[in-house]
N, C-alpha and C. Protein backbone atom coordinates (compact mmCIF):
# COMPACT_ATOMS: atom_id res chain seq x y z
N MET A 1 -31.72 18.88 5.42
CA MET A 1 -30.89 18.08 5.92
C MET A 1 -29.00 18.45 5.91
N ALA A 2 -28.70 18.21 6.65
CA ALA A 2 -27.03 18.24 6.90
C ALA A 2 -26.31 17.01 6.23
N GLU A 3 -25.11 17.11 4.96
CA GLU A 3 -24.80 15.90 4.56
C GLU A 3 -23.72 15.65 5.57
N ASN A 4 -23.92 14.20 5.66
CA ASN A 4 -22.59 13.47 6.85
C ASN A 4 -21.62 13.60 6.13
N LYS A 5 -20.64 14.12 6.58
CA LYS A 5 -19.01 14.10 5.54
C LYS A 5 -18.22 12.68 5.70
N GLU A 6 -18.56 11.79 6.72
CA GLU A 6 -18.02 10.78 6.48
C GLU A 6 -18.33 10.48 5.53
N ASN A 7 -19.57 9.65 5.06
CA ASN A 7 -19.88 9.10 3.78
C ASN A 7 -19.96 9.69 2.93
N ALA A 8 -19.65 11.13 2.57
CA ALA A 8 -19.29 12.02 1.85
C ALA A 8 -18.39 11.42 0.56
N GLN A 9 -18.53 11.30 -0.95
CA GLN A 9 -17.49 10.68 -1.64
C GLN A 9 -16.79 12.25 -1.97
N PRO A 10 -15.54 11.72 -2.63
CA PRO A 10 -14.92 13.21 -2.91
C PRO A 10 -15.18 13.30 -4.54
N GLY A 11 -15.74 14.30 -4.69
CA GLY A 11 -15.52 14.57 -6.41
C GLY A 11 -17.55 14.77 -6.43
N GLY A 12 -17.99 14.89 -5.39
CA GLY A 12 -19.58 15.01 -5.14
C GLY A 12 -20.05 13.81 -6.14
N GLY A 13 -19.82 12.75 -6.13
CA GLY A 13 -20.75 11.62 -6.60
C GLY A 13 -19.97 10.89 -7.59
N ALA A 14 -18.44 10.86 -7.47
CA ALA A 14 -17.61 10.41 -8.50
C ALA A 14 -17.92 8.86 -8.15
N VAL A 15 -17.67 7.94 -9.62
CA VAL A 15 -17.72 6.80 -9.27
C VAL A 15 -15.97 5.69 -8.60
N ARG A 16 -16.48 5.05 -8.02
CA ARG A 16 -15.41 4.34 -6.88
C ARG A 16 -15.25 2.65 -7.67
N TYR A 17 -14.01 2.82 -8.36
CA TYR A 17 -13.68 1.78 -9.32
C TYR A 17 -12.61 0.56 -8.21
N GLU A 18 -13.06 -0.05 -8.39
CA GLU A 18 -12.37 -1.22 -7.51
C GLU A 18 -11.60 -2.33 -8.97
N ILE A 19 -10.33 -3.04 -8.09
CA ILE A 19 -9.47 -3.84 -9.22
C ILE A 19 -9.69 -5.00 -7.90
N ARG A 20 -10.42 -6.72 -8.50
CA ARG A 20 -10.53 -7.69 -7.27
C ARG A 20 -9.84 -8.78 -7.65
N LYS A 21 -9.26 -9.72 -7.08
CA LYS A 21 -9.39 -11.23 -7.53
C LYS A 21 -9.39 -11.32 -5.76
N GLY A 22 -10.56 -12.62 -6.18
CA GLY A 22 -10.74 -13.84 -4.88
C GLY A 22 -11.42 -12.70 -3.91
N GLY A 23 -12.28 -11.64 -4.28
CA GLY A 23 -12.93 -11.45 -3.29
C GLY A 23 -12.21 -9.96 -2.92
N VAL A 24 -10.79 -10.07 -2.74
CA VAL A 24 -9.81 -9.42 -2.24
C VAL A 24 -9.47 -7.82 -2.98
N VAL A 25 -9.85 -6.49 -2.55
CA VAL A 25 -9.87 -5.56 -3.08
C VAL A 25 -8.26 -5.27 -3.28
N CYS A 26 -7.80 -5.13 -4.64
CA CYS A 26 -6.15 -5.15 -4.63
C CYS A 26 -5.87 -3.57 -5.17
N CYS A 27 -6.90 -3.33 -5.25
CA CYS A 27 -6.84 -1.14 -5.71
C CYS A 27 -8.32 -0.86 -5.76
N ALA A 28 -8.11 0.37 -5.37
CA ALA A 28 -9.38 1.12 -5.46
C ALA A 28 -8.94 2.33 -5.26
N SER A 29 -10.00 3.19 -6.62
CA SER A 29 -9.75 4.46 -6.94
C SER A 29 -10.74 5.04 -7.20
N TYR A 30 -10.68 6.62 -7.24
CA TYR A 30 -12.16 7.33 -8.02
C TYR A 30 -11.53 7.78 -9.39
N LEU A 31 -10.39 7.18 -9.93
CA LEU A 31 -9.72 7.75 -11.41
C LEU A 31 -10.61 6.51 -12.38
N PRO A 32 -10.90 7.07 -13.52
CA PRO A 32 -11.61 6.15 -14.07
C PRO A 32 -10.52 4.81 -14.64
N LEU A 33 -10.79 3.34 -14.03
CA LEU A 33 -10.76 2.01 -14.47
C LEU A 33 -8.97 2.01 -13.66
N CYS A 34 -9.18 2.80 -12.80
CA CYS A 34 -8.28 3.26 -11.11
C CYS A 34 -6.91 3.86 -12.18
N GLY A 35 -6.83 4.13 -13.60
CA GLY A 35 -5.79 4.88 -13.82
C GLY A 35 -5.24 4.16 -14.62
N TYR A 36 -5.39 2.72 -14.92
CA TYR A 36 -5.05 1.81 -16.13
C TYR A 36 -5.50 1.85 -17.65
N ASP A 37 -5.01 2.07 -18.65
CA ASP A 37 -5.79 1.87 -19.83
C ASP A 37 -6.72 0.29 -20.03
N LEU A 38 -6.96 0.44 -21.22
CA LEU A 38 -8.07 -0.94 -21.37
C LEU A 38 -7.19 -1.68 -21.56
N LEU A 39 -5.91 -1.82 -22.71
CA LEU A 39 -5.32 -3.48 -22.76
C LEU A 39 -4.87 -3.53 -21.26
N THR A 40 -4.26 -3.21 -20.31
CA THR A 40 -3.93 -3.62 -19.21
C THR A 40 -5.22 -3.98 -18.41
N ILE A 41 -6.46 -3.15 -18.80
CA ILE A 41 -7.47 -3.88 -17.72
C ILE A 41 -7.81 -5.32 -18.33
N LYS A 42 -7.64 -5.63 -19.37
CA LYS A 42 -8.61 -6.58 -20.10
C LYS A 42 -7.09 -8.08 -19.95
N LYS A 43 -6.03 -7.42 -19.59
CA LYS A 43 -5.08 -8.81 -19.76
C LYS A 43 -4.89 -9.03 -18.09
N MET A 44 -5.51 -7.93 -16.76
CA MET A 44 -5.73 -8.34 -16.00
C MET A 44 -7.01 -9.05 -15.56
N GLN A 45 -8.16 -8.84 -16.43
CA GLN A 45 -9.14 -9.87 -16.80
C GLN A 45 -8.70 -11.30 -17.24
N GLU A 46 -7.62 -11.66 -17.61
CA GLU A 46 -7.17 -12.57 -18.38
C GLU A 46 -6.44 -12.96 -17.15
N ALA A 47 -6.19 -12.72 -16.14
CA ALA A 47 -5.31 -12.52 -14.98
C ALA A 47 -6.07 -13.58 -13.94
N GLY A 48 -7.41 -13.43 -14.01
CA GLY A 48 -8.02 -13.53 -13.09
C GLY A 48 -8.54 -12.00 -12.13
N TYR A 49 -8.51 -11.12 -12.88
CA TYR A 49 -8.34 -9.69 -11.78
C TYR A 49 -10.23 -9.38 -12.18
N GLU A 50 -10.63 -8.92 -11.83
CA GLU A 50 -11.96 -7.74 -12.22
C GLU A 50 -12.10 -6.64 -11.31
N LEU A 51 -12.66 -6.14 -12.49
CA LEU A 51 -13.46 -4.70 -12.42
C LEU A 51 -14.84 -4.07 -11.85
N TYR A 52 -14.65 -3.43 -10.86
CA TYR A 52 -15.88 -2.99 -10.11
C TYR A 52 -15.99 -1.80 -10.25
N ALA A 53 -17.17 -0.70 -10.76
CA ALA A 53 -17.72 0.47 -10.68
C ALA A 53 -19.11 0.70 -9.50
N ASP A 54 -18.62 0.86 -8.31
CA ASP A 54 -19.46 1.22 -7.32
C ASP A 54 -20.01 0.46 -6.61
N GLY A 55 -19.04 -0.63 -6.38
CA GLY A 55 -19.65 -2.42 -6.29
C GLY A 55 -20.18 -3.22 -7.45
N LYS A 56 -20.23 -3.09 -8.32
CA LYS A 56 -21.07 -3.08 -9.50
C LYS A 56 -19.76 -4.31 -10.27
N LYS A 57 -19.88 -5.45 -10.81
CA LYS A 57 -19.34 -6.29 -11.25
C LYS A 57 -19.32 -5.53 -13.00
N VAL A 58 -17.78 -4.72 -13.81
CA VAL A 58 -17.78 -4.59 -14.86
C VAL A 58 -17.85 -5.65 -16.02
N ARG A 59 -18.62 -5.29 -17.18
CA ARG A 59 -18.52 -6.44 -17.43
C ARG A 59 -17.55 -6.07 -19.06
N ARG A 60 -17.33 -7.10 -19.67
CA ARG A 60 -15.85 -7.11 -20.71
C ARG A 60 -17.04 -6.03 -21.73
């Protein structure tokens, strides 16, 4: 069966990361952790932002 290009993910199955606050997507990327380092992600979580990977919340 042919693959639907509209639903195909770049990189052939790469994880889509999102940073959300209040249900609003502030950043989305296929780069691990949206390109941020772990210290920055931790500080963002302290400020109320949440990290998601393929739609599932990433725990600390």
